[in-house]
Amino acid sequence: MRARKIFLIVVIIEAAVIFLYAAKAYYIVSQSRQEVRKVEEKLAQLELENKRLREEAVKAKDPFYLEKLAREKLGLAKKNEIIYKIVP
């Protein structure tokens, strides 16, 4: 009878240890899935940014686009040209 109780206690302890390892593994897998989702979101953002930059690079080869950028962003003007700025 005593050996049976000891055997039962050992089985319960082993089951508890196995359960703890399984819980730890589940937690690690869950964390990994969250990290994968974050990386996939970051990848999607970077792909959109990459697409935008490619389009900008194609536009940058157009001299009229470059002139427009120089006028709008840098406030540049051609020779003998007057720039008017409307201040609110």
N, C-alpha and C. Protein backbone atom coordinates (compact mmCIF):
# COMPACT_ATOMS: atom_id res chain seq x y z
N MET A 1 0.82 -1.20 0.00
CA MET A 1 0.00 0.00 0.00
C MET A 1 0.87 1.26 0.00
N ARG A 2 1.91 1.23 0.81
CA ARG A 2 2.80 2.39 0.90
C ARG A 2 3.51 2.63 -0.44
N ALA A 3 3.91 1.57 -1.10
CA ALA A 3 4.59 1.69 -2.40
C ALA A 3 3.63 2.29 -3.42
N ARG A 4 2.38 1.95 -3.31
CA ARG A 4 1.38 2.49 -4.23
C ARG A 4 1.23 4.00 -4.05
N LYS A 5 1.23 4.49 -2.81
CA LYS A 5 1.13 5.94 -2.54
C LYS A 5 2.35 6.66 -3.09
N ILE A 6 3.51 6.09 -2.88
CA ILE A 6 4.75 6.70 -3.38
C ILE A 6 4.72 6.76 -4.90
N PHE A 7 4.29 5.67 -5.53
CA PHE A 7 4.18 5.64 -7.00
C PHE A 7 3.21 6.72 -7.48
N LEU A 8 2.07 6.86 -6.82
CA LEU A 8 1.08 7.85 -7.19
C LEU A 8 1.64 9.27 -7.04
N ILE A 9 2.37 9.52 -5.97
CA ILE A 9 2.98 10.84 -5.75
C ILE A 9 4.01 11.13 -6.84
N VAL A 10 4.81 10.15 -7.19
CA VAL A 10 5.82 10.33 -8.24
C VAL A 10 5.14 10.63 -9.58
N VAL A 11 4.08 9.92 -9.89
CA VAL A 11 3.35 10.15 -11.14
C VAL A 11 2.76 11.56 -11.16
N ILE A 12 2.20 12.00 -10.05
CA ILE A 12 1.63 13.35 -9.97
C ILE A 12 2.72 14.40 -10.15
N ILE A 13 3.85 14.19 -9.52
CA ILE A 13 4.96 15.15 -9.66
C ILE A 13 5.44 15.19 -11.11
N GLU A 14 5.59 14.03 -11.73
CA GLU A 14 6.01 13.99 -13.14
C GLU A 14 5.00 14.68 -14.04
N ALA A 15 3.72 14.47 -13.77
CA ALA A 15 2.68 15.11 -14.57
C ALA A 15 2.74 16.63 -14.41
N ALA A 16 3.00 17.09 -13.18
CA ALA A 16 3.11 18.53 -12.93
C ALA A 16 4.31 19.11 -13.67
N VAL A 17 5.42 18.40 -13.66
CA VAL A 17 6.63 18.87 -14.36
C VAL A 17 6.36 18.94 -15.86
N ILE A 18 5.73 17.90 -16.40
CA ILE A 18 5.41 17.89 -17.83
C ILE A 18 4.47 19.04 -18.16
N PHE A 19 3.48 19.28 -17.32
CA PHE A 19 2.55 20.38 -17.53
C PHE A 19 3.27 21.72 -17.53
N LEU A 20 4.20 21.91 -16.60
CA LEU A 20 4.94 23.17 -16.54
C LEU A 20 5.79 23.38 -17.79
N TYR A 21 6.45 22.32 -18.27
CA TYR A 21 7.23 22.45 -19.50
C TYR A 21 6.33 22.75 -20.70
N ALA A 22 5.17 22.14 -20.75
CA ALA A 22 4.24 22.40 -21.84
C ALA A 22 3.74 23.84 -21.79
N ALA A 23 3.45 24.34 -20.58
CA ALA A 23 2.99 25.72 -20.42
C ALA A 23 4.08 26.70 -20.86
N LYS A 24 5.32 26.39 -20.49
CA LYS A 24 6.43 27.25 -20.88
C LYS A 24 6.59 27.24 -22.40
N ALA A 25 6.49 26.08 -23.02
CA ALA A 25 6.61 25.98 -24.48
C ALA A 25 5.48 26.76 -25.16
N TYR A 26 4.27 26.66 -24.63
CA TYR A 26 3.14 27.40 -25.20
C TYR A 26 3.39 28.90 -25.10
N TYR A 27 3.92 29.36 -23.97
CA TYR A 27 4.22 30.78 -23.79
C TYR A 27 5.26 31.23 -24.80
N ILE A 28 6.29 30.44 -25.00
CA ILE A 28 7.35 30.79 -25.95
C ILE A 28 6.79 30.86 -27.37
N VAL A 29 5.96 29.91 -27.74
CA VAL A 29 5.35 29.90 -29.08
C VAL A 29 4.45 31.12 -29.25
N SER A 30 3.69 31.46 -28.22
CA SER A 30 2.81 32.63 -28.28
C SER A 30 3.62 33.91 -28.47
N GLN A 31 4.69 34.05 -27.73
CA GLN A 31 5.56 35.22 -27.85
C GLN A 31 6.17 35.28 -29.25
N SER A 32 6.57 34.14 -29.77
CA SER A 32 7.17 34.09 -31.11
C SER A 32 6.16 34.50 -32.17
N ARG A 33 4.92 34.07 -32.02
CA ARG A 33 3.89 34.47 -32.98
C ARG A 33 3.66 35.97 -32.96
N GLN A 34 3.65 36.56 -31.76
CA GLN A 34 3.49 38.01 -31.66
C GLN A 34 4.66 38.72 -32.35
N GLU A 35 5.84 38.22 -32.13
CA GLU A 35 7.02 38.84 -32.74
C GLU A 35 6.97 38.72 -34.26
N VAL A 36 6.52 37.57 -34.76
CA VAL A 36 6.39 37.37 -36.21
C VAL A 36 5.38 38.36 -36.77
N ARG A 37 4.24 38.56 -36.07
CA ARG A 37 3.24 39.53 -36.54
C ARG A 37 3.83 40.93 -36.62
N LYS A 38 4.59 41.31 -35.59
CA LYS A 38 5.20 42.65 -35.59
C LYS A 38 6.17 42.80 -36.76
N VAL A 39 6.97 41.77 -36.99
CA VAL A 39 7.94 41.82 -38.08
C VAL A 39 7.23 41.87 -39.43
N GLU A 40 6.13 41.14 -39.57
CA GLU A 40 5.38 41.17 -40.83
C GLU A 40 4.77 42.55 -41.06
N GLU A 41 4.26 43.19 -40.00
CA GLU A 41 3.73 44.55 -40.13
C GLU A 41 4.82 45.52 -40.53
N LYS A 42 5.98 45.39 -39.91
CA LYS A 42 7.12 46.26 -40.25
C LYS A 42 7.54 46.04 -41.70
N LEU A 43 7.53 44.78 -42.14
CA LEU A 43 7.88 44.46 -43.52
C LEU A 43 6.90 45.11 -44.49
N ALA A 44 5.61 45.05 -44.17
CA ALA A 44 4.60 45.66 -45.04
C ALA A 44 4.83 47.17 -45.13
N GLN A 45 5.13 47.80 -44.00
CA GLN A 45 5.41 49.25 -44.01
C GLN A 45 6.64 49.56 -44.86
N LEU A 46 7.67 48.75 -44.70
CA LEU A 46 8.90 48.98 -45.48
C LEU A 46 8.68 48.75 -46.97
N GLU A 47 7.83 47.78 -47.31
CA GLU A 47 7.53 47.56 -48.73
C GLU A 47 6.79 48.75 -49.32
N LEU A 48 5.85 49.32 -48.56
CA LEU A 48 5.16 50.53 -49.04
C LEU A 48 6.13 51.69 -49.21
N GLU A 49 7.01 51.87 -48.24
CA GLU A 49 8.00 52.94 -48.32
C GLU A 49 8.94 52.72 -49.50
N ASN A 50 9.33 51.47 -49.72
CA ASN A 50 10.20 51.14 -50.84
C ASN A 50 9.52 51.46 -52.17
N LYS A 51 8.23 51.13 -52.28
CA LYS A 51 7.46 51.43 -53.49
C LYS A 51 7.40 52.93 -53.73
N ARG A 52 7.13 53.69 -52.64
CA ARG A 52 7.07 55.15 -52.75
C ARG A 52 8.41 55.72 -53.20
N LEU A 53 9.49 55.21 -52.65
CA LEU A 53 10.82 55.70 -53.01
C LEU A 53 11.18 55.36 -54.46
N ARG A 54 10.74 54.18 -54.92
CA ARG A 54 10.98 53.83 -56.32
C ARG A 54 10.25 54.79 -57.25
N GLU A 55 9.00 55.08 -56.90
CA GLU A 55 8.23 56.04 -57.70
C GLU A 55 8.89 57.41 -57.69
N GLU A 56 9.40 57.81 -56.53
CA GLU A 56 10.09 59.11 -56.41
C GLU A 56 11.36 59.10 -57.26
N ALA A 57 12.06 57.97 -57.29
CA ALA A 57 13.29 57.88 -58.10
C ALA A 57 12.97 58.01 -59.59
N VAL A 58 11.87 57.42 -60.01
CA VAL A 58 11.47 57.54 -61.42
C VAL A 58 11.12 58.99 -61.73
N LYS A 59 10.39 59.63 -60.83
CA LYS A 59 10.01 61.03 -61.05
C LYS A 59 11.24 61.94 -61.06
N ALA A 60 12.26 61.59 -60.28
CA ALA A 60 13.44 62.44 -60.16
C ALA A 60 14.23 62.52 -61.46
N LYS A 61 13.96 61.62 -62.38
CA LYS A 61 14.64 61.67 -63.68
C LYS A 61 13.99 62.68 -64.63
N ASP A 62 12.82 63.14 -64.28
CA ASP A 62 12.09 64.10 -65.11
C ASP A 62 12.53 65.52 -64.75
N PRO A 63 13.09 66.28 -65.69
CA PRO A 63 13.58 67.63 -65.37
C PRO A 63 12.47 68.59 -64.93
N PHE A 64 11.26 68.42 -65.46
CA PHE A 64 10.15 69.30 -65.06
C PHE A 64 9.75 69.05 -63.61
N TYR A 65 9.81 67.78 -63.20
CA TYR A 65 9.51 67.45 -61.80
C TYR A 65 10.58 68.03 -60.87
N LEU A 66 11.82 67.93 -61.29
CA LEU A 66 12.90 68.49 -60.48
C LEU A 66 12.75 70.01 -60.34
N GLU A 67 12.38 70.66 -61.44
CA GLU A 67 12.17 72.11 -61.38
C GLU A 67 11.02 72.44 -60.42
N LYS A 68 9.95 71.69 -60.52
CA LYS A 68 8.81 71.90 -59.62
C LYS A 68 9.22 71.75 -58.16
N LEU A 69 10.00 70.69 -57.86
CA LEU A 69 10.48 70.49 -56.49
C LEU A 69 11.35 71.65 -56.03
N ALA A 70 12.24 72.10 -56.90
CA ALA A 70 13.14 73.19 -56.55
C ALA A 70 12.35 74.46 -56.25
N ARG A 71 11.31 74.69 -57.01
CA ARG A 71 10.48 75.88 -56.78
C ARG A 71 9.68 75.76 -55.49
N GLU A 72 9.04 74.61 -55.28
CA GLU A 72 8.15 74.45 -54.13
C GLU A 72 8.91 74.28 -52.81
N LYS A 73 9.89 73.41 -52.82
CA LYS A 73 10.57 73.07 -51.57
C LYS A 73 11.69 74.05 -51.21
N LEU A 74 12.42 74.50 -52.22
CA LEU A 74 13.59 75.33 -51.95
C LEU A 74 13.37 76.81 -52.25
N GLY A 75 12.25 77.12 -52.89
CA GLY A 75 11.97 78.52 -53.19
C GLY A 75 12.87 79.10 -54.26
N LEU A 76 13.39 78.26 -55.13
CA LEU A 76 14.29 78.73 -56.19
C LEU A 76 13.48 79.33 -57.34
N ALA A 77 14.15 80.16 -58.13
CA ALA A 77 13.49 80.81 -59.27
C ALA A 77 14.49 80.90 -60.42
N LYS A 78 13.93 81.08 -61.60
CA LYS A 78 14.78 81.28 -62.77
C LYS A 78 15.33 82.70 -62.76
N LYS A 79 16.30 82.95 -63.61
CA LYS A 79 16.92 84.27 -63.69
C LYS A 79 15.87 85.29 -64.13
N ASN A 80 15.88 86.45 -63.48
CA ASN A 80 14.95 87.56 -63.74
C ASN A 80 13.49 87.21 -63.44
N GLU A 81 13.27 86.24 -62.60
CA GLU A 81 11.92 85.84 -62.22
C GLU A 81 11.65 86.35 -60.81
N ILE A 82 10.47 86.86 -60.56
CA ILE A 82 10.11 87.39 -59.25
C ILE A 82 9.18 86.39 -58.57
N ILE A 83 9.47 86.12 -57.31
CA ILE A 83 8.66 85.19 -56.52
C ILE A 83 7.79 85.99 -55.57
N TYR A 84 6.50 85.69 -55.60
CA TYR A 84 5.57 86.31 -54.67
C TYR A 84 5.11 85.25 -53.67
N LYS A 85 5.19 85.59 -52.40
CA LYS A 85 4.70 84.68 -51.36
C LYS A 85 3.53 85.34 -50.66
N ILE A 86 2.45 84.61 -50.57
CA ILE A 86 1.27 85.12 -49.89
C ILE A 86 1.29 84.61 -48.45
N VAL A 87 1.35 85.52 -47.53
CA VAL A 87 1.41 85.17 -46.11
C VAL A 87 0.01 85.35 -45.51
N PRO A 88 -0.51 84.33 -44.85
CA PRO A 88 -1.85 84.46 -44.27
C PRO A 88 -1.91 85.44 -43.12
